[in-house]
């Protein structure tokens, strides 16, 4: 079985509303205000272009500061520091470690990642976190100019590593990203917690052998 992991809010901490509340307390006096600002910033086409690797960090900061009337220097500090804030979720990484051991001892799983991740943050993750070495391969959106849930990025991972759709499972916190994988014939788990993931994978991987990955 090919297990494909998302990163943000699955393997690394990603809480955009909390991040904005720390940097712009005057604009995020309530949880609702923080959520609204997070959607306005990270849900906009400019951020998606940054995710795709189509615009630079400096350009996304300049455009966003103008559009949302945010202090440019303060916004740049937030955006530039996100890579360092993507800290491992230890319970999730423990599940990944168990799967890596199974991969090495039994060879019946392979590990991949598929993440919407701007290039600067992808390079930071690669430099800082050794658990990326456990993967057999993967794709960061910023490196290929495609993002989830567009079919192209799933198809690219599938083609690059010769993954059989029926033997491939997407693990993502966003339902839309899981649904897009399932539409291509993959299986999917919407991530809620490490405990839920361990339980779901335990049920799946204890099914009778369905062939090689």
Protein backbone atom coordinates (compact mmCIF):
# COMPACT_ATOMS: atom_id res chain seq x y z
CA UNK A 1 0.00 0.00 0.00
CA UNK A 2 1.23 3.48 -0.91
CA UNK A 3 0.52 5.93 1.91
CA UNK A 4 0.58 9.58 0.84
CA UNK A 5 0.82 12.20 3.62
CA UNK A 6 -0.07 15.85 3.66
CA UNK A 7 2.17 18.00 5.90
CA UNK A 8 0.30 21.00 7.31
CA UNK A 9 -1.94 20.07 10.28
CA UNK A 10 -1.09 16.39 9.72
CA UNK A 11 2.66 16.02 10.32
CA UNK A 12 3.56 19.61 11.17
CA UNK A 13 1.71 22.22 13.19
CA UNK A 14 -0.32 24.68 11.12
CA UNK A 15 -2.69 27.04 12.92
CA UNK A 16 -3.04 30.12 10.71
CA UNK A 17 -5.61 31.95 12.86
CA UNK A 18 -3.40 31.61 15.93
CA UNK A 19 -0.38 32.77 13.95
CA UNK A 20 -2.20 35.91 12.81
CA UNK A 21 -3.50 36.59 16.32
CA UNK A 22 0.10 36.67 17.56
CA UNK A 23 1.25 39.12 14.88
CA UNK A 24 -1.85 41.30 14.53
CA UNK A 25 -3.62 41.30 17.90
CA UNK A 26 -5.49 44.53 17.14
CA UNK A 27 -7.12 42.92 14.09
CA UNK A 28 -7.89 39.58 15.71
CA UNK A 29 -9.67 40.50 18.92
CA UNK A 30 -12.04 37.55 18.59
CA UNK A 31 -11.56 34.01 17.22
CA UNK A 32 -14.00 34.90 14.45
CA UNK A 33 -11.93 37.91 13.42
CA UNK A 34 -8.77 35.79 13.40
CA UNK A 35 -10.43 33.15 11.25
CA UNK A 36 -11.70 35.79 8.84
CA UNK A 37 -8.24 37.32 8.44
CA UNK A 38 -6.72 33.85 7.97
CA UNK A 39 -9.18 33.08 5.16
CA UNK A 40 -8.55 36.47 3.58
CA UNK A 41 -4.79 35.94 3.58
CA UNK A 42 -4.20 32.22 3.08
CA UNK A 43 -7.32 31.52 1.02
CA UNK A 44 -6.63 34.19 -1.60
CA UNK A 45 -5.36 33.59 -5.13
CA UNK A 46 -2.11 35.42 -4.29
CA UNK A 47 -1.28 32.88 -1.57
CA UNK A 48 -2.23 30.04 -3.89
CA UNK A 49 0.21 31.45 -6.44
CA UNK A 50 2.88 31.48 -3.73
CA UNK A 51 1.98 27.86 -2.95
CA UNK A 52 2.44 27.05 -6.64
CA UNK A 53 5.87 28.62 -6.81
CA UNK A 54 4.61 31.23 -9.28
CA UNK A 55 5.33 34.33 -7.18
CA UNK A 56 8.01 35.13 -4.63
CA UNK A 57 7.70 35.69 -0.91
CA UNK A 58 8.39 39.39 -1.40
CA UNK A 59 5.64 39.73 -4.00
CA UNK A 60 3.01 37.90 -1.97
CA UNK A 61 3.84 40.12 1.01
CA UNK A 62 3.58 43.30 -1.05
CA UNK A 63 0.30 42.32 -2.69
CA UNK A 64 -1.26 41.09 0.54
CA UNK A 65 -0.18 44.15 2.52
CA UNK A 66 -1.81 46.41 -0.07
CA UNK A 67 -4.98 44.34 -0.39
CA UNK A 68 -5.62 43.92 3.34
CA UNK A 69 -4.06 47.21 4.51
CA UNK A 70 -1.54 45.38 6.72
CA UNK A 71 1.83 46.84 7.81
CA UNK A 72 4.30 45.46 5.23
CA UNK A 73 7.23 44.98 7.64
CA UNK A 74 5.06 43.22 10.18
CA UNK A 75 3.49 41.02 7.51
CA UNK A 76 6.87 40.13 6.04
CA UNK A 77 8.08 39.00 9.45
CA UNK A 78 5.08 36.72 9.76
CA UNK A 79 5.36 35.23 6.26
CA UNK A 80 9.15 34.83 6.34
CA UNK A 81 8.98 33.02 9.68
CA UNK A 82 6.35 30.44 8.82
CA UNK A 83 8.87 27.79 7.79
CA UNK A 84 10.38 27.81 11.26
CA UNK A 85 6.90 27.57 12.79
CA UNK A 86 6.06 24.32 10.99
CA UNK A 87 7.07 22.17 13.94
CA UNK A 88 6.53 18.40 13.92
CA UNK A 89 3.38 17.05 15.54
CA UNK A 90 5.03 14.43 17.70
CA UNK A 91 2.09 12.03 17.90
CA UNK A 92 1.71 12.04 14.11
CA UNK A 93 5.45 11.63 13.54
CA UNK A 94 5.33 8.64 15.92
CA UNK A 95 2.74 7.02 13.63
CA UNK A 96 4.99 7.78 10.65
CA UNK A 97 7.94 6.20 12.49
CA UNK A 98 5.93 3.01 13.03
CA UNK A 99 5.09 2.92 9.33
CA UNK A 100 8.72 3.50 8.40
CA UNK A 101 9.72 0.54 10.55
CA UNK A 102 7.05 -1.59 8.91
CA UNK A 103 8.26 -0.44 5.50
CA UNK A 104 11.80 -1.55 6.30
CA UNK A 105 10.92 -4.83 8.00
CA UNK A 106 7.96 -6.03 5.96
CA UNK A 107 8.07 -4.03 2.75
CA UNK A 108 4.29 -3.95 2.39
CA UNK A 109 3.94 -0.15 2.63
CA UNK A 110 5.63 2.73 0.89
CA UNK A 111 5.58 6.30 2.14
CA UNK A 112 5.11 9.44 0.06
CA UNK A 113 4.09 13.05 0.67
CA UNK A 114 1.96 15.48 -1.32
CA UNK A 115 1.85 18.95 0.19
CA UNK A 116 0.79 22.45 -0.77
CA UNK A 117 3.98 24.14 0.35
CA UNK A 118 5.75 27.27 -0.95
CA UNK A 119 9.36 26.70 -1.94
CA UNK A 120 11.01 28.53 1.01
CA UNK A 121 9.06 26.48 3.56
CA UNK A 122 9.71 23.22 1.71
CA UNK A 123 13.46 23.83 1.83
CA UNK A 124 13.26 24.65 5.54
CA UNK A 125 11.43 21.39 6.26
CA UNK A 126 14.01 19.41 4.29
CA UNK A 127 16.89 21.03 6.19
CA UNK A 128 15.42 20.83 9.68
CA UNK A 129 13.54 17.55 9.98
CA UNK A 130 15.11 14.13 9.54
CA UNK A 131 11.76 12.36 9.30
CA UNK A 132 11.53 13.50 5.67
CA UNK A 133 14.19 10.87 4.99
CA UNK A 134 11.64 8.17 5.79
CA UNK A 135 9.67 8.89 2.62
CA UNK A 136 10.19 7.02 -0.62
CA UNK A 137 9.38 10.22 -2.48
CA UNK A 138 7.00 13.11 -2.64
CA UNK A 139 6.03 16.44 -4.15
CA UNK A 140 5.84 19.95 -2.76
CA UNK A 141 3.47 22.16 -4.75
CA UNK A 142 5.95 25.00 -5.05
CA UNK A 143 8.37 22.78 -6.94
CA UNK A 144 5.88 21.71 -9.63
CA UNK A 145 3.50 24.70 -9.98
CA UNK A 146 0.40 22.64 -9.19
CA UNK A 147 -1.63 22.56 -5.97
CA UNK A 148 -4.21 20.32 -4.36
CA UNK A 149 -7.05 19.68 -4.96
CA UNK A 150 -6.29 19.99 -8.69
CA UNK A 151 -6.04 16.53 -10.29
CA UNK A 152 -2.72 17.36 -11.99
CA UNK A 153 -0.64 17.24 -8.81
CA UNK A 154 -2.04 13.85 -7.79
CA UNK A 155 -1.49 12.51 -11.29
CA UNK A 156 2.08 13.81 -11.26
CA UNK A 157 2.87 11.96 -8.02
CA UNK A 158 1.17 8.86 -9.38
CA UNK A 159 3.15 8.95 -12.64
CA UNK A 160 6.48 9.88 -11.06
CA UNK A 161 6.48 6.90 -8.71
CA UNK A 162 4.37 4.46 -10.76
CA UNK A 163 1.67 4.25 -8.09
CA UNK A 164 -1.33 2.02 -8.68
CA UNK A 165 -4.40 4.12 -7.77
CA UNK A 166 -6.22 1.26 -6.03
CA UNK A 167 -3.15 0.70 -3.83
CA UNK A 168 -2.66 4.38 -2.95
CA UNK A 169 -4.17 6.23 0.02
CA UNK A 170 -4.24 9.99 0.67
CA UNK A 171 -4.01 11.24 4.27
CA UNK A 172 -5.03 14.91 4.49
CA UNK A 173 -6.82 17.13 6.97
CA UNK A 174 -8.93 18.80 4.26
CA UNK A 175 -11.91 16.86 2.93
CA UNK A 176 -11.64 18.47 -0.50
CA UNK A 177 -8.10 17.17 -0.92
CA UNK A 178 -9.14 13.66 0.11
CA UNK A 179 -12.15 13.76 -2.21
CA UNK A 180 -9.94 14.79 -5.14
CA UNK A 181 -7.70 11.78 -4.52
CA UNK A 182 -10.68 9.44 -4.29
CA UNK A 183 -12.02 10.80 -7.58
CA UNK A 184 -8.84 9.43 -9.20
CA UNK A 185 -9.39 5.98 -7.74
CA UNK A 186 -7.24 6.39 -4.63
CA UNK A 187 -8.43 5.63 -1.14
CA UNK A 188 -8.50 8.39 1.46
CA UNK A 189 -8.47 9.21 5.16
CA UNK A 190 -9.41 12.67 6.38
CA UNK A 191 -6.98 13.28 9.23
CA UNK A 192 -8.45 14.29 12.58
CA UNK A 193 -5.85 13.07 15.08
CA UNK A 194 -2.89 10.74 15.33
CA UNK A 195 -5.00 8.27 17.32
CA UNK A 196 -7.70 8.23 14.65
CA UNK A 197 -5.07 7.79 11.92
CA UNK A 198 -3.38 4.90 13.74
CA UNK A 199 -6.73 3.20 14.22
CA UNK A 200 -7.81 3.69 10.60
CA UNK A 201 -4.49 2.48 9.22
CA UNK A 202 -4.52 -0.49 11.58
CA UNK A 203 -7.88 -1.59 10.21
CA UNK A 204 -6.78 -1.06 6.62
CA UNK A 205 -3.36 -2.68 6.82
CA UNK A 206 -4.67 -5.74 8.62
CA UNK A 207 -6.90 -6.59 5.68
CA UNK A 208 -5.86 -9.60 3.55
CA UNK A 209 -2.96 -8.92 1.23
CA UNK A 210 -4.11 -7.23 -1.98
CA UNK A 211 -0.81 -7.40 -3.83
CA UNK A 212 2.34 -5.33 -3.97
CA UNK A 213 2.27 -1.52 -3.61
